[in-house]
PDB file of all heavy atoms in Angstrom:
ATOM      1  N   VAL A   1      -9.723 -34.094  48.684  1.00  0.00           N
ATOM      2  CA  VAL A   1     -10.241 -33.310  47.569  1.00  0.00           C
ATOM      3  C   VAL A   1     -11.645 -33.820  47.258  1.00  0.00           C
ATOM      4  O   VAL A   1     -11.887 -35.031  47.276  1.00  0.00           O
ATOM      5  CB  VAL A   1      -9.329 -33.464  46.337  1.00  0.00           C
ATOM      6  CG1 VAL A   1      -9.934 -32.764  45.120  1.00  0.00           C
ATOM      7  CG2 VAL A   1      -7.941 -32.911  46.635  1.00  0.00           C
ATOM      8  N   ILE A   2     -12.569 -32.918  46.979  1.00  0.00           N
ATOM      9  CA  ILE A   2     -13.947 -33.307  46.659  1.00  0.00           C
ATOM     10  C   ILE A   2     -14.238 -32.946  45.210  1.00  0.00           C
ATOM     11  O   ILE A   2     -13.911 -31.847  44.756  1.00  0.00           O
ATOM     12  CB  ILE A   2     -14.954 -32.615  47.597  1.00  0.00           C
ATOM     13  CG1 ILE A   2     -14.673 -32.999  49.051  1.00  0.00           C
ATOM     14  CG2 ILE A   2     -16.391 -32.984  47.219  1.00  0.00           C
ATOM     15  CD1 ILE A   2     -15.548 -32.267  50.057  1.00  0.00           C
ATOM     16  N   LEU A   3     -14.850 -33.876  44.492  1.00  0.00           N
ATOM     17  CA  LEU A   3     -15.235 -33.648  43.104  1.00  0.00           C
ATOM     18  C   LEU A   3     -16.753 -33.763  42.980  1.00  0.00           C
ATOM     19  O   LEU A   3     -17.341 -34.728  43.472  1.00  0.00           O
ATOM     20  CB  LEU A   3     -14.557 -34.663  42.187  1.00  0.00           C
ATOM     21  CG  LEU A   3     -14.742 -34.490  40.673  1.00  0.00           C
ATOM     22  CD1 LEU A   3     -13.539 -35.045  39.924  1.00  0.00           C
ATOM     23  CD2 LEU A   3     -16.007 -35.178  40.160  1.00  0.00           C
ATOM     24  N   ILE A   4     -17.363 -32.784  42.328  1.00  0.00           N
ATOM     25  CA  ILE A   4     -18.811 -32.804  42.083  1.00  0.00           C
ATOM     26  C   ILE A   4     -19.045 -32.914  40.577  1.00  0.00           C
ATOM     27  O   ILE A   4     -18.678 -32.012  39.833  1.00  0.00           O
ATOM     28  CB  ILE A   4     -19.503 -31.535  42.619  1.00  0.00           C
ATOM     29  CG1 ILE A   4     -19.240 -31.372  44.112  1.00  0.00           C
ATOM     30  CG2 ILE A   4     -21.004 -31.589  42.340  1.00  0.00           C
ATOM     31  CD1 ILE A   4     -19.801 -30.077  44.689  1.00  0.00           C
ATOM     32  N   PRO A   5     -19.626 -34.013  40.105  1.00  0.00           N
ATOM     33  CA  PRO A   5     -19.994 -34.084  38.678  1.00  0.00           C
ATOM     34  C   PRO A   5     -21.431 -33.599  38.482  1.00  0.00           C
ATOM     35  O   PRO A   5     -22.261 -33.682  39.390  1.00  0.00           O
ATOM     36  CB  PRO A   5     -19.888 -35.575  38.369  1.00  0.00           C
ATOM     37  CG  PRO A   5     -20.121 -36.266  39.677  1.00  0.00           C
ATOM     38  CD  PRO A   5     -19.790 -35.302  40.785  1.00  0.00           C
ATOM     39  N   SER A   6     -21.721 -33.070  37.316  1.00  0.00           N
ATOM     40  CA  SER A   6     -23.120 -32.810  36.968  1.00  0.00           C
ATOM     41  C   SER A   6     -23.746 -34.123  36.510  1.00  0.00           C
ATOM     42  O   SER A   6     -23.067 -35.125  36.321  1.00  0.00           O
ATOM     43  CB  SER A   6     -23.216 -31.737  35.876  1.00  0.00           C
ATOM     44  OG  SER A   6     -22.427 -32.083  34.757  1.00  0.00           O
ATOM     45  N   ALA A   7     -25.063 -34.121  36.357  1.00  0.00           N
ATOM     46  CA  ALA A   7     -25.795 -35.332  35.967  1.00  0.00           C
ATOM     47  C   ALA A   7     -26.112 -35.295  34.483  1.00  0.00           C
ATOM     48  O   ALA A   7     -26.181 -34.231  33.868  1.00  0.00           O
ATOM     49  CB  ALA A   7     -27.076 -35.455  36.783  1.00  0.00           C
ATOM     50  N   GLN A   8     -26.359 -36.466  33.915  1.00  0.00           N
ATOM     51  CA  GLN A   8     -26.626 -36.575  32.488  1.00  0.00           C
ATOM     52  C   GLN A   8     -28.051 -36.162  32.151  1.00  0.00           C
ATOM     53  O   GLN A   8     -28.940 -36.148  33.000  1.00  0.00           O
ATOM     54  CB  GLN A   8     -26.383 -38.022  32.037  1.00  0.00           C
ATOM     55  CG  GLN A   8     -26.386 -38.209  30.530  1.00  0.00           C
ATOM     56  CD  GLN A   8     -25.703 -39.499  30.118  1.00  0.00           C
ATOM     57  OE1 GLN A   8     -25.181 -40.219  30.953  1.00  0.00           O
ATOM     58  NE2 GLN A   8     -25.697 -39.805  28.832  1.00  0.00           N
ATOM     59  N   ASP A   9     -28.245 -35.793  30.910  1.00  0.00           N
ATOM     60  CA  ASP A   9     -29.584 -35.548  30.384  1.00  0.00           C
ATOM     61  C   ASP A   9     -30.461 -36.783  30.612  1.00  0.00           C
ATOM     62  O   ASP A   9     -29.987 -37.923  30.522  1.00  0.00           O
ATOM     63  CB  ASP A   9     -29.496 -35.229  28.898  1.00  0.00           C
ATOM     64  CG  ASP A   9     -30.840 -34.943  28.273  1.00  0.00           C
ATOM     65  OD1 ASP A   9     -31.505 -33.996  28.725  1.00  0.00           O
ATOM     66  OD2 ASP A   9     -31.220 -35.666  27.332  1.00  0.00           O
ATOM     67  N   ILE A  10     -31.732 -36.562  30.922  1.00  0.00           N
ATOM     68  CA  ILE A  10     -32.657 -37.650  31.269  1.00  0.00           C
ATOM     69  C   ILE A  10     -33.975 -37.455  30.529  1.00  0.00           C
ATOM     70  O   ILE A  10     -34.451 -36.322  30.360  1.00  0.00           O
ATOM     71  CB  ILE A  10     -32.938 -37.652  32.800  1.00  0.00           C
ATOM     72  CG1 ILE A  10     -31.672 -38.032  33.572  1.00  0.00           C
ATOM     73  CG2 ILE A  10     -34.078 -38.615  33.161  1.00  0.00           C
ATOM     74  CD1 ILE A  10     -31.817 -37.851  35.077  1.00  0.00           C
ATOM     75  N   ASN A  11     -34.573 -38.561  30.086  1.00  0.00           N
ATOM     76  CA  ASN A  11     -35.951 -38.557  29.604  1.00  0.00           C
ATOM     77  C   ASN A  11     -36.777 -39.414  30.554  1.00  0.00           C
ATOM     78  O   ASN A  11     -36.496 -40.594  30.716  1.00  0.00           O
ATOM     79  CB  ASN A  11     -36.054 -39.133  28.186  1.00  0.00           C
ATOM     80  CG  ASN A  11     -35.261 -38.315  27.187  1.00  0.00           C
ATOM     81  OD1 ASN A  11     -35.216 -37.101  27.267  1.00  0.00           O
ATOM     82  ND2 ASN A  11     -34.624 -38.994  26.244  1.00  0.00           N
ATOM     83  N   LYS A  12     -37.748 -38.831  31.195  1.00  0.00           N
ATOM     84  CA  LYS A  12     -38.586 -39.556  32.151  1.00  0.00           C
ATOM     85  C   LYS A  12     -39.956 -39.793  31.535  1.00  0.00           C
ATOM     86  O   LYS A  12     -40.690 -38.842  31.226  1.00  0.00           O
ATOM     87  CB  LYS A  12     -38.710 -38.752  33.453  1.00  0.00           C
ATOM     88  CG  LYS A  12     -39.517 -39.421  34.555  1.00  0.00           C
ATOM     89  CD  LYS A  12     -38.837 -40.659  35.092  1.00  0.00           C
ATOM     90  CE  LYS A  12     -39.604 -41.223  36.276  1.00  0.00           C
ATOM     91  NZ  LYS A  12     -39.081 -42.517  36.722  1.00  0.00           N
ATOM     92  N   LYS A  13     -40.279 -41.085  31.326  1.00  0.00           N
ATOM     93  CA  LYS A  13     -41.555 -41.467  30.733  1.00  0.00           C
ATOM     94  C   LYS A  13     -41.796 -40.758  29.401  1.00  0.00           C
ATOM     95  O   LYS A  13     -42.878 -40.243  29.122  1.00  0.00           O
ATOM     96  CB  LYS A  13     -42.708 -41.198  31.712  1.00  0.00           C
ATOM     97  CG  LYS A  13     -42.650 -42.061  32.960  1.00  0.00           C
ATOM     98  CD  LYS A  13     -43.831 -41.810  33.884  1.00  0.00           C
ATOM     99  CE  LYS A  13     -43.754 -42.707  35.120  1.00  0.00           C
ATOM    100  NZ  LYS A  13     -44.887 -42.476  36.050  1.00  0.00           N
ATOM    101  N   GLY A  14     -40.751 -40.688  28.590  1.00  0.00           N
ATOM    102  CA  GLY A  14     -40.860 -40.124  27.252  1.00  0.00           C
ATOM    103  C   GLY A  14     -40.691 -38.626  27.166  1.00  0.00           C
ATOM    104  O   GLY A  14     -40.637 -38.073  26.062  1.00  0.00           O
ATOM    105  N   LYS A  15     -40.605 -37.940  28.301  1.00  0.00           N
ATOM    106  CA  LYS A  15     -40.460 -36.486  28.298  1.00  0.00           C
ATOM    107  C   LYS A  15     -39.069 -36.095  28.778  1.00  0.00           C
ATOM    108  O   LYS A  15     -38.563 -36.643  29.755  1.00  0.00           O
ATOM    109  CB  LYS A  15     -41.521 -35.838  29.190  1.00  0.00           C
ATOM    110  CG  LYS A  15     -42.944 -36.046  28.689  1.00  0.00           C
ATOM    111  CD  LYS A  15     -43.942 -35.324  29.579  1.00  0.00           C
ATOM    112  CE  LYS A  15     -45.375 -35.505  29.071  1.00  0.00           C
ATOM    113  NZ  LYS A  15     -46.362 -34.814  29.937  1.00  0.00           N
ATOM    114  N   ASN A  16     -38.482 -35.114  28.088  1.00  0.00           N
ATOM    115  CA  ASN A  16     -37.151 -34.672  28.465  1.00  0.00           C
ATOM    116  C   ASN A  16     -37.197 -33.882  29.773  1.00  0.00           C
ATOM    117  O   ASN A  16     -38.053 -33.010  29.963  1.00  0.00           O
ATOM    118  CB  ASN A  16     -36.551 -33.800  27.364  1.00  0.00           C
ATOM    119  CG  ASN A  16     -35.110 -33.427  27.640  1.00  0.00           C
ATOM    120  OD1 ASN A  16     -34.789 -32.266  27.862  1.00  0.00           O
ATOM    121  ND2 ASN A  16     -34.222 -34.414  27.637  1.00  0.00           N
ATOM    122  N   VAL A  17     -36.280 -34.219  30.684  1.00  0.00           N
ATOM    123  CA  VAL A  17     -36.208 -33.548  31.983  1.00  0.00           C
ATOM    124  C   VAL A  17     -35.271 -32.361  31.846  1.00  0.00           C
ATOM    125  O   VAL A  17     -34.043 -32.505  31.919  1.00  0.00           O
ATOM    126  CB  VAL A  17     -35.726 -34.516  33.081  1.00  0.00           C
ATOM    127  CG1 VAL A  17     -35.673 -33.815  34.431  1.00  0.00           C
ATOM    128  CG2 VAL A  17     -36.640 -35.735  33.149  1.00  0.00           C
ATOM    129  N   THR A  18     -35.839 -31.207  31.628  1.00  0.00           N
ATOM    130  CA  THR A  18     -35.043 -30.002  31.351  1.00  0.00           C
ATOM    131  C   THR A  18     -34.243 -29.526  32.558  1.00  0.00           C
ATOM    132  O   THR A  18     -33.285 -28.773  32.408  1.00  0.00           O
ATOM    133  CB  THR A  18     -35.952 -28.869  30.866  1.00  0.00           C
ATOM    134  OG1 THR A  18     -36.975 -28.628  31.857  1.00  0.00           O
ATOM    135  CG2 THR A  18     -36.631 -29.243  29.551  1.00  0.00           C
ATOM    136  N   ALA A  19     -34.635 -29.965  33.755  1.00  0.00           N
ATOM    137  CA  ALA A  19     -33.940 -29.514  34.971  1.00  0.00           C
ATOM    138  C   ALA A  19     -32.516 -30.056  35.062  1.00  0.00           C
ATOM    139  O   ALA A  19     -31.746 -29.609  35.909  1.00  0.00           O
ATOM    140  CB  ALA A  19     -34.736 -29.916  36.213  1.00  0.00           C
ATOM    141  N   ALA A  20     -32.152 -31.020  34.209  1.00  0.00           N
ATOM    142  CA  ALA A  20     -30.767 -31.521  34.217  1.00  0.00           C
ATOM    143  C   ALA A  20     -29.800 -30.380  33.929  1.00  0.00           C
ATOM    144  O   ALA A  20     -28.706 -30.318  34.517  1.00  0.00           O
ATOM    145  CB  ALA A  20     -30.610 -32.630  33.185  1.00  0.00           C
ATOM    146  N   LYS A  21     -30.185 -29.478  33.042  1.00  0.00           N
ATOM    147  CA  LYS A  21     -29.326 -28.331  32.731  1.00  0.00           C
ATOM    148  C   LYS A  21     -29.233 -27.387  33.933  1.00  0.00           C
ATOM    149  O   LYS A  21     -28.165 -26.842  34.230  1.00  0.00           O
ATOM    150  CB  LYS A  21     -29.874 -27.591  31.511  1.00  0.00           C
ATOM    151  CG  LYS A  21     -28.982 -26.455  31.032  1.00  0.00           C
ATOM    152  CD  LYS A  21     -29.519 -25.861  29.750  1.00  0.00           C
ATOM    153  CE  LYS A  21     -28.594 -24.740  29.246  1.00  0.00           C
ATOM    154  NZ  LYS A  21     -29.083 -24.172  27.955  1.00  0.00           N
ATOM    155  N   GLN A  22     -30.347 -27.187  34.636  1.00  0.00           N
ATOM    156  CA  GLN A  22     -30.328 -26.336  35.841  1.00  0.00           C
ATOM    157  C   GLN A  22     -29.427 -26.936  36.912  1.00  0.00           C
ATOM    158  O   GLN A  22     -28.672 -26.224  37.575  1.00  0.00           O
ATOM    159  CB  GLN A  22     -31.747 -26.194  36.403  1.00  0.00           C
ATOM    160  CG  GLN A  22     -32.731 -25.479  35.505  1.00  0.00           C
ATOM    161  CD  GLN A  22     -34.139 -25.560  36.100  1.00  0.00           C
ATOM    162  OE1 GLN A  22     -34.954 -26.381  35.692  1.00  0.00           O
ATOM    163  NE2 GLN A  22     -34.407 -24.733  37.071  1.00  0.00           N
ATOM    164  N   TYR A  23     -29.503 -28.262  37.068  1.00  0.00           N
ATOM    165  CA  TYR A  23     -28.667 -28.897  38.085  1.00  0.00           C
ATOM    166  C   TYR A  23     -27.186 -28.783  37.720  1.00  0.00           C
ATOM    167  O   TYR A  23     -26.335 -28.584  38.595  1.00  0.00           O
ATOM    168  CB  TYR A  23     -29.034 -30.371  38.270  1.00  0.00           C
ATOM    169  CG  TYR A  23     -28.106 -31.039  39.259  1.00  0.00           C
ATOM    170  CD1 TYR A  23     -28.221 -30.760  40.624  1.00  0.00           C
ATOM    171  CD2 TYR A  23     -27.090 -31.883  38.839  1.00  0.00           C
ATOM    172  CE1 TYR A  23     -27.342 -31.330  41.532  1.00  0.00           C
ATOM    173  CE2 TYR A  23     -26.212 -32.452  39.747  1.00  0.00           C
ATOM    174  CZ  TYR A  23     -26.343 -32.173  41.091  1.00  0.00           C
ATOM    175  OH  TYR A  23     -25.458 -32.714  41.987  1.00  0.00           O
ATOM    176  N   ALA A  24     -26.864 -28.906  36.435  1.00  0.00           N
ATOM    177  CA  ALA A  24     -25.464 -28.758  36.010  1.00  0.00           C
ATOM    178  C   ALA A  24     -24.936 -27.372  36.390  1.00  0.00           C
ATOM    179  O   ALA A  24     -23.795 -27.229  36.860  1.00  0.00           O
ATOM    180  CB  ALA A  24     -25.341 -28.991  34.511  1.00  0.00           C
ATOM    181  N   ALA A  25     -25.774 -26.350  36.212  1.00  0.00           N
ATOM    182  CA  ALA A  25     -25.362 -24.990  36.577  1.00  0.00           C
ATOM    183  C   ALA A  25     -25.176 -24.870  38.089  1.00  0.00           C
ATOM    184  O   ALA A  25     -24.231 -24.229  38.568  1.00  0.00           O
ATOM    185  CB  ALA A  25     -26.387 -23.985  36.083  1.00  0.00           C
ATOM    186  N   LEU A  26     -26.076 -25.505  38.858  1.00  0.00           N
ATOM    187  CA  LEU A  26     -25.959 -25.460  40.318  1.00  0.00           C
ATOM    188  C   LEU A  26     -24.711 -26.210  40.785  1.00  0.00           C
ATOM    189  O   LEU A  26     -23.978 -25.735  41.659  1.00  0.00           O
ATOM    190  CB  LEU A  26     -27.208 -26.062  40.968  1.00  0.00           C
ATOM    191  CG  LEU A  26     -27.173 -26.184  42.498  1.00  0.00           C
ATOM    192  CD1 LEU A  26     -27.020 -24.809  43.156  1.00  0.00           C
ATOM    193  CD2 LEU A  26     -28.416 -26.887  43.014  1.00  0.00           C
ATOM    194  N   ALA A  27     -24.457 -27.380  40.213  1.00  0.00           N
ATOM    195  CA  ALA A  27     -23.279 -28.164  40.607  1.00  0.00           C
ATOM    196  C   ALA A  27     -22.007 -27.379  40.330  1.00  0.00           C
ATOM    197  O   ALA A  27     -21.069 -27.367  41.142  1.00  0.00           O
ATOM    198  CB  ALA A  27     -23.264 -29.497  39.862  1.00  0.00           C
ATOM    199  N   ARG A  28     -21.957 -26.688  39.184  1.00  0.00           N
ATOM    200  CA  ARG A  28     -20.795 -25.848  38.855  1.00  0.00           C
ATOM    201  C   ARG A  28     -20.632 -24.734  39.881  1.00  0.00           C
ATOM    202  O   ARG A  28     -19.527 -24.468  40.364  1.00  0.00           O
ATOM    203  CB  ARG A  28     -20.958 -25.267  37.454  1.00  0.00           C
ATOM    204  CG  ARG A  28     -19.788 -24.396  37.009  1.00  0.00           C
ATOM    205  CD  ARG A  28     -20.071 -23.683  35.696  1.00  0.00           C
ATOM    206  NE  ARG A  28     -20.111 -24.591  34.578  1.00  0.00           N
ATOM    207  CZ  ARG A  28     -21.204 -24.904  33.894  1.00  0.00           C
ATOM    208  NH1 ARG A  28     -22.366 -24.368  34.254  1.00  0.00           N
ATOM    209  NH2 ARG A  28     -21.169 -25.728  32.893  1.00  0.00           N
ATOM    210  N   LYS A  29     -21.738 -24.092  40.226  1.00  0.00           N
ATOM    211  CA  LYS A  29     -21.698 -22.979  41.184  1.00  0.00           C
ATOM    212  C   LYS A  29     -21.212 -23.451  42.551  1.00  0.00           C
ATOM    213  O   LYS A  29     -20.337 -22.826  43.172  1.00  0.00           O
ATOM    214  CB  LYS A  29     -23.095 -22.365  41.308  1.00  0.00           C
ATOM    215  CG  LYS A  29     -23.230 -21.257  42.346  1.00  0.00           C
ATOM    216  CD  LYS A  29     -24.647 -20.700  42.333  1.00  0.00           C
ATOM    217  CE  LYS A  29     -24.810 -19.540  43.312  1.00  0.00           C
ATOM    218  NZ  LYS A  29     -24.748 -19.979  44.717  1.00  0.00           N
ATOM    219  N   VAL A  30     -21.783 -24.553  43.051  1.00  0.00           N
ATOM    220  CA  VAL A  30     -21.400 -25.071  44.370  1.00  0.00           C
ATOM    221  C   VAL A  30     -19.937 -25.497  44.385  1.00  0.00           C
ATOM    222  O   VAL A  30     -19.201 -25.227  45.342  1.00  0.00           O
ATOM    223  CB  VAL A  30     -22.317 -26.242  44.783  1.00  0.00           C
ATOM    224  CG1 VAL A  30     -21.807 -26.921  46.050  1.00  0.00           C
ATOM    225  CG2 VAL A  30     -23.747 -25.742  45.005  1.00  0.00           C
ATOM    226  N   ALA A  31     -19.495 -26.130  43.305  1.00  0.00           N
ATOM    227  CA  ALA A  31     -18.090 -26.557  43.226  1.00  0.00           C
ATOM    228  C   ALA A  31     -17.158 -25.349  43.266  1.00  0.00           C
ATOM    229  O   ALA A  31     -16.173 -25.326  44.019  1.00  0.00           O
ATOM    230  CB  ALA A  31     -17.863 -27.377  41.964  1.00  0.00           C
ATOM    231  N   LEU A  32     -17.456 -24.338  42.465  1.00  0.00           N
ATOM    232  CA  LEU A  32     -16.610 -23.144  42.384  1.00  0.00           C
ATOM    233  C   LEU A  32     -16.537 -22.423  43.720  1.00  0.00           C
ATOM    234  O   LEU A  32     -15.459 -22.042  44.174  1.00  0.00           O
ATOM    235  CB  LEU A  32     -17.167 -22.206  41.308  1.00  0.00           C
ATOM    236  CG  LEU A  32     -16.489 -20.835  41.181  1.00  0.00           C
ATOM    237  CD1 LEU A  32     -15.039 -21.002  40.748  1.00  0.00           C
ATOM    238  CD2 LEU A  32     -17.238 -19.962  40.197  1.00  0.00           C
ATOM    239  N   GLU A  33     -17.692 -22.281  44.375  1.00  0.00           N
ATOM    240  CA  GLU A  33     -17.739 -21.489  45.602  1.00  0.00           C
ATOM    241  C   GLU A  33     -17.254 -22.244  46.827  1.00  0.00           C
ATOM    242  O   GLU A  33     -17.019 -21.638  47.875  1.00  0.00           O
ATOM    243  CB  GLU A  33     -19.174 -20.988  45.834  1.00  0.00           C
ATOM    244  CG  GLU A  33     -19.634 -20.003  44.766  1.00  0.00           C
ATOM    245  CD  GLU A  33     -21.081 -19.563  44.957  1.00  0.00           C
ATOM    246  OE1 GLU A  33     -21.743 -20.093  45.883  1.00  0.00           O
ATOM    247  OE2 GLU A  33     -21.535 -18.694  44.183  1.00  0.00           O
ATOM    248  N   ASN A  34     -17.079 -23.563  46.702  1.00  0.00           N
ATOM    249  CA  ASN A  34     -16.675 -24.368  47.856  1.00  0.00           C
ATOM    250  C   ASN A  34     -15.377 -25.134  47.610  1.00  0.00           C
ATOM    251  O   ASN A  34     -15.101 -26.128  48.271  1.00  0.00           O
ATOM    252  CB  ASN A  34     -17.806 -25.327  48.242  1.00  0.00           C
ATOM    253  CG  ASN A  34     -19.014 -24.607  48.792  1.00  0.00           C
ATOM    254  OD1 ASN A  34     -19.102 -24.312  49.977  1.00  0.00           O
ATOM    255  ND2 ASN A  34     -19.969 -24.300  47.917  1.00  0.00           N
ATOM    256  N   ASN A  35     -14.585 -24.636  46.674  1.00  0.00           N
ATOM    257  CA  ASN A  35     -13.231 -25.153  46.447  1.00  0.00           C
ATOM    258  C   ASN A  35     -13.224 -26.646  46.126  1.00  0.00           C
ATOM    259  O   ASN A  35     -12.447 -27.418  46.684  1.00  0.00           O
ATOM    260  CB  ASN A  35     -12.338 -24.879  47.665  1.00  0.00           C
ATOM    261  CG  ASN A  35     -10.858 -25.005  47.342  1.00  0.00           C
ATOM    262  OD1 ASN A  35     -10.447 -24.761  46.204  1.00  0.00           O
ATOM    263  ND2 ASN A  35     -10.075 -25.410  48.321  1.00  0.00           N
ATOM    264  N   CYS A  36     -14.117 -27.047  45.225  1.00  0.00           N
ATOM    265  CA  CYS A  36     -14.196 -28.447  44.797  1.00  0.00           C
ATOM    266  C   CYS A  36     -13.819 -28.562  43.319  1.00  0.00           C
ATOM    267  O   CYS A  36     -13.905 -27.584  42.569  1.00  0.00           O
ATOM    268  CB  CYS A  36     -15.613 -29.002  44.974  1.00  0.00           C
ATOM    269  SG  CYS A  36     -16.207 -29.020  46.670  1.00  0.00           S
ATOM    270  N   LEU A  37     -13.434 -29.739  42.913  1.00  0.00           N
ATOM    271  CA  LEU A  37     -13.304 -30.019  41.488  1.00  0.00           C
ATOM    272  C   LEU A  37     -14.701 -30.159  40.881  1.00  0.00           C
ATOM    273  O   LEU A  37     -15.664 -30.501  41.577  1.00  0.00           O
ATOM    274  CB  LEU A  37     -12.529 -31.324  41.265  1.00  0.00           C
ATOM    275  CG  LEU A  37     -11.101 -31.393  41.791  1.00  0.00           C
ATOM    276  CD1 LEU A  37     -10.505 -32.764  41.508  1.00  0.00           C
ATOM    277  CD2 LEU A  37     -10.233 -30.314  41.176  1.00  0.00           C
ATOM    278  N   PHE A  38     -14.810 -29.918  39.582  1.00  0.00           N
ATOM    279  CA  PHE A  38     -16.095 -30.040  38.897  1.00  0.00           C
ATOM    280  C   PHE A  38     -15.890 -30.785  37.588  1.00  0.00           C
ATOM    281  O   PHE A  38     -14.982 -30.482  36.825  1.00  0.00           O
ATOM    282  CB  PHE A  38     -16.679 -28.657  38.617  1.00  0.00           C
ATOM    283  CG  PHE A  38     -17.951 -28.677  37.811  1.00  0.00           C
ATOM    284  CD1 PHE A  38     -19.089 -29.302  38.308  1.00  0.00           C
ATOM    285  CD2 PHE A  38     -18.014 -28.083  36.560  1.00  0.00           C
ATOM    286  CE1 PHE A  38     -20.267 -29.335  37.572  1.00  0.00           C
ATOM    287  CE2 PHE A  38     -19.185 -28.106  35.815  1.00  0.00           C
ATOM    288  CZ  PHE A  38     -20.310 -28.733  36.324  1.00  0.00           C
ATOM    289  N   TYR A  39     -16.721 -31.795  37.345  1.00  0.00           N
ATOM    290  CA  TYR A  39     -16.707 -32.540  36.084  1.00  0.00           C
ATOM    291  C   TYR A  39     -18.068 -32.366  35.434  1.00  0.00           C
ATOM    292  O   TYR A  39     -19.079 -32.864  35.935  1.00  0.00           O
ATOM    293  CB  TYR A  39     -16.418 -34.025  36.339  1.00  0.00           C
ATOM    294  CG  TYR A  39     -16.397 -34.876  35.089  1.00  0.00           C
ATOM    295  CD1 TYR A  39     -15.611 -34.535  33.990  1.00  0.00           C
ATOM    296  CD2 TYR A  39     -17.155 -36.044  35.009  1.00  0.00           C
ATOM    297  CE1 TYR A  39     -15.577 -35.323  32.853  1.00  0.00           C
ATOM    298  CE2 TYR A  39     -17.128 -36.843  33.867  1.00  0.00           C
ATOM    299  CZ  TYR A  39     -16.335 -36.477  32.797  1.00  0.00           C
ATOM    300  OH  TYR A  39     -16.315 -37.267  31.670  1.00  0.00           O
ATOM    301  N   ASP A  40     -18.110 -31.661  34.306  1.00  0.00           N
ATOM    302  CA  ASP A  40     -19.379 -31.314  33.682  1.00  0.00           C
ATOM    303  C   ASP A  40     -19.856 -32.448  32.777  1.00  0.00           C
ATOM    304  O   ASP A  40     -19.833 -32.351  31.549  1.00  0.00           O
ATOM    305  CB  ASP A  40     -19.250 -30.018  32.890  1.00  0.00           C
ATOM    306  CG  ASP A  40     -20.606 -29.343  32.704  1.00  0.00           C
ATOM    307  OD1 ASP A  40     -21.631 -30.018  32.916  1.00  0.00           O
ATOM    308  OD2 ASP A  40     -20.644 -28.145  32.379  1.00  0.00           O
TER     309      ASP A  40
END
């Protein structure tokens, strides 16, 4: 069984990395379409 977790919110050099939310959506999509568990 394969589990894909999303990544946590990140601030890089004082600025919020907004792409963490995009990656969470991608991880969910890949997990769903490839029969994996997903931990958000």
